[in-house]
Amino acid sequence: MIVNRINSDFRRWRAYRKTVTELSKLSARQLEDIGIAPYEIEDAARGRFRR
């Protein structure tokens, strides 16, 4: 049903935004420790990050 799809998309978007927000709070050094560069935050949050 369309309502379920909209709800699912919204939940996924909220999780993405939360991840971006939390990763953005980390310093470049902290991001380096977990293997992410600052410019890779959005890709990591979308699950498209590969090392």
N, C-alpha and C. Protein backbone atom coordinates (compact mmCIF):
# COMPACT_ATOMS: atom_id res chain seq x y z
N MET A 1 0.84 -1.18 0.00
CA MET A 1 0.00 0.00 0.00
C MET A 1 0.88 1.25 0.00
N ILE A 2 0.42 2.30 -0.57
CA ILE A 2 1.22 3.52 -0.73
C ILE A 2 1.61 4.13 0.62
N VAL A 3 0.73 4.05 1.58
CA VAL A 3 1.03 4.62 2.90
C VAL A 3 2.21 3.88 3.53
N ASN A 4 2.24 2.57 3.40
CA ASN A 4 3.36 1.79 3.93
C ASN A 4 4.67 2.16 3.25
N ARG A 5 4.62 2.38 1.95
CA ARG A 5 5.82 2.76 1.19
C ARG A 5 6.31 4.12 1.64
N ILE A 6 5.43 5.06 1.81
CA ILE A 6 5.81 6.40 2.26
C ILE A 6 6.40 6.33 3.65
N ASN A 7 5.78 5.56 4.53
CA ASN A 7 6.27 5.40 5.89
C ASN A 7 7.67 4.77 5.89
N SER A 8 7.86 3.76 5.09
CA SER A 8 9.14 3.08 4.99
C SER A 8 10.22 4.03 4.46
N ASP A 9 9.90 4.78 3.42
CA ASP A 9 10.85 5.74 2.86
C ASP A 9 11.21 6.81 3.87
N PHE A 10 10.24 7.27 4.63
CA PHE A 10 10.48 8.31 5.63
C PHE A 10 11.39 7.78 6.74
N ARG A 11 11.14 6.56 7.19
CA ARG A 11 11.99 5.95 8.24
C ARG A 11 13.42 5.79 7.74
N ARG A 12 13.57 5.37 6.50
CA ARG A 12 14.90 5.21 5.91
C ARG A 12 15.61 6.57 5.81
N TRP A 13 14.90 7.61 5.40
CA TRP A 13 15.47 8.94 5.29
C TRP A 13 15.89 9.46 6.67
N ARG A 14 15.04 9.22 7.69
CA ARG A 14 15.39 9.66 9.05
C ARG A 14 16.65 8.97 9.55
N ALA A 15 16.79 7.69 9.30
CA ALA A 15 17.99 6.95 9.70
C ALA A 15 19.21 7.50 8.98
N TYR A 16 19.06 7.81 7.70
CA TYR A 16 20.16 8.41 6.93
C TYR A 16 20.57 9.75 7.53
N ARG A 17 19.59 10.61 7.82
CA ARG A 17 19.90 11.93 8.38
C ARG A 17 20.56 11.81 9.76
N LYS A 18 20.10 10.89 10.58
CA LYS A 18 20.69 10.69 11.90
C LYS A 18 22.14 10.25 11.77
N THR A 19 22.39 9.34 10.85
CA THR A 19 23.76 8.86 10.63
C THR A 19 24.66 9.98 10.15
N VAL A 20 24.20 10.77 9.20
CA VAL A 20 24.99 11.89 8.70
C VAL A 20 25.27 12.88 9.83
N THR A 21 24.27 13.18 10.63
CA THR A 21 24.44 14.12 11.74
C THR A 21 25.47 13.61 12.73
N GLU A 22 25.36 12.34 13.11
CA GLU A 22 26.28 11.78 14.10
C GLU A 22 27.71 11.71 13.54
N LEU A 23 27.88 11.27 12.31
CA LEU A 23 29.21 11.20 11.73
C LEU A 23 29.81 12.59 11.54
N SER A 24 28.98 13.58 11.26
CA SER A 24 29.46 14.95 11.07
C SER A 24 29.99 15.56 12.36
N LYS A 25 29.58 15.02 13.48
CA LYS A 25 30.07 15.51 14.78
C LYS A 25 31.48 15.03 15.09
N LEU A 26 31.93 14.00 14.39
CA LEU A 26 33.26 13.46 14.64
C LEU A 26 34.34 14.30 13.97
N SER A 27 35.51 14.31 14.58
CA SER A 27 36.65 15.02 13.98
C SER A 27 37.20 14.19 12.82
N ALA A 28 38.04 14.83 12.02
CA ALA A 28 38.66 14.13 10.90
C ALA A 28 39.49 12.96 11.41
N ARG A 29 40.13 13.12 12.54
CA ARG A 29 40.93 12.04 13.14
C ARG A 29 40.04 10.86 13.54
N GLN A 30 38.91 11.15 14.17
CA GLN A 30 38.00 10.09 14.57
C GLN A 30 37.44 9.36 13.35
N LEU A 31 37.10 10.12 12.32
CA LEU A 31 36.61 9.49 11.09
C LEU A 31 37.69 8.62 10.47
N GLU A 32 38.93 9.10 10.49
CA GLU A 32 40.05 8.33 9.96
C GLU A 32 40.20 7.00 10.72
N ASP A 33 40.00 7.06 12.03
CA ASP A 33 40.11 5.85 12.85
C ASP A 33 39.09 4.78 12.44
N ILE A 34 37.94 5.19 11.96
CA ILE A 34 36.93 4.22 11.52
C ILE A 34 36.95 4.02 10.00
N GLY A 35 37.91 4.65 9.35
CA GLY A 35 38.10 4.40 7.92
C GLY A 35 37.23 5.21 6.99
N ILE A 36 36.79 6.38 7.44
CA ILE A 36 35.94 7.25 6.62
C ILE A 36 36.57 8.63 6.53
N ALA A 37 36.64 9.20 5.34
CA ALA A 37 37.08 10.57 5.16
C ALA A 37 35.85 11.48 5.27
N PRO A 38 36.04 12.73 5.67
CA PRO A 38 34.88 13.62 5.81
C PRO A 38 34.00 13.70 4.56
N TYR A 39 34.60 13.65 3.39
CA TYR A 39 33.81 13.75 2.16
C TYR A 39 33.04 12.46 1.84
N GLU A 40 33.28 11.39 2.61
CA GLU A 40 32.62 10.11 2.37
C GLU A 40 31.44 9.86 3.32
N ILE A 41 31.14 10.82 4.18
CA ILE A 41 30.09 10.63 5.18
C ILE A 41 28.75 10.29 4.55
N GLU A 42 28.33 11.03 3.55
CA GLU A 42 27.01 10.78 2.95
C GLU A 42 26.95 9.42 2.28
N ASP A 43 28.03 9.02 1.61
CA ASP A 43 28.04 7.68 0.99
C ASP A 43 27.98 6.60 2.05
N ALA A 44 28.72 6.79 3.15
CA ALA A 44 28.68 5.81 4.24
C ALA A 44 27.29 5.71 4.83
N ALA A 45 26.63 6.84 4.99
CA ALA A 45 25.27 6.85 5.56
C ALA A 45 24.27 6.18 4.62
N ARG A 46 24.51 6.25 3.33
CA ARG A 46 23.61 5.61 2.35
C ARG A 46 23.93 4.13 2.18
N GLY A 47 25.04 3.69 2.77
CA GLY A 47 25.42 2.29 2.63
C GLY A 47 26.16 2.00 1.35
N ARG A 48 26.62 3.04 0.68
CA ARG A 48 27.33 2.85 -0.59
C ARG A 48 28.83 3.02 -0.42
N PHE A 49 29.30 2.88 0.79
CA PHE A 49 30.71 3.08 1.08
C PHE A 49 31.46 1.76 1.02
N ARG A 50 32.52 1.72 0.25
CA ARG A 50 33.33 0.51 0.14
C ARG A 50 34.80 0.89 0.33
N ARG A 51 35.49 0.07 1.05
CA ARG A 51 36.96 0.22 1.21
C ARG A 51 37.61 -1.00 0.68
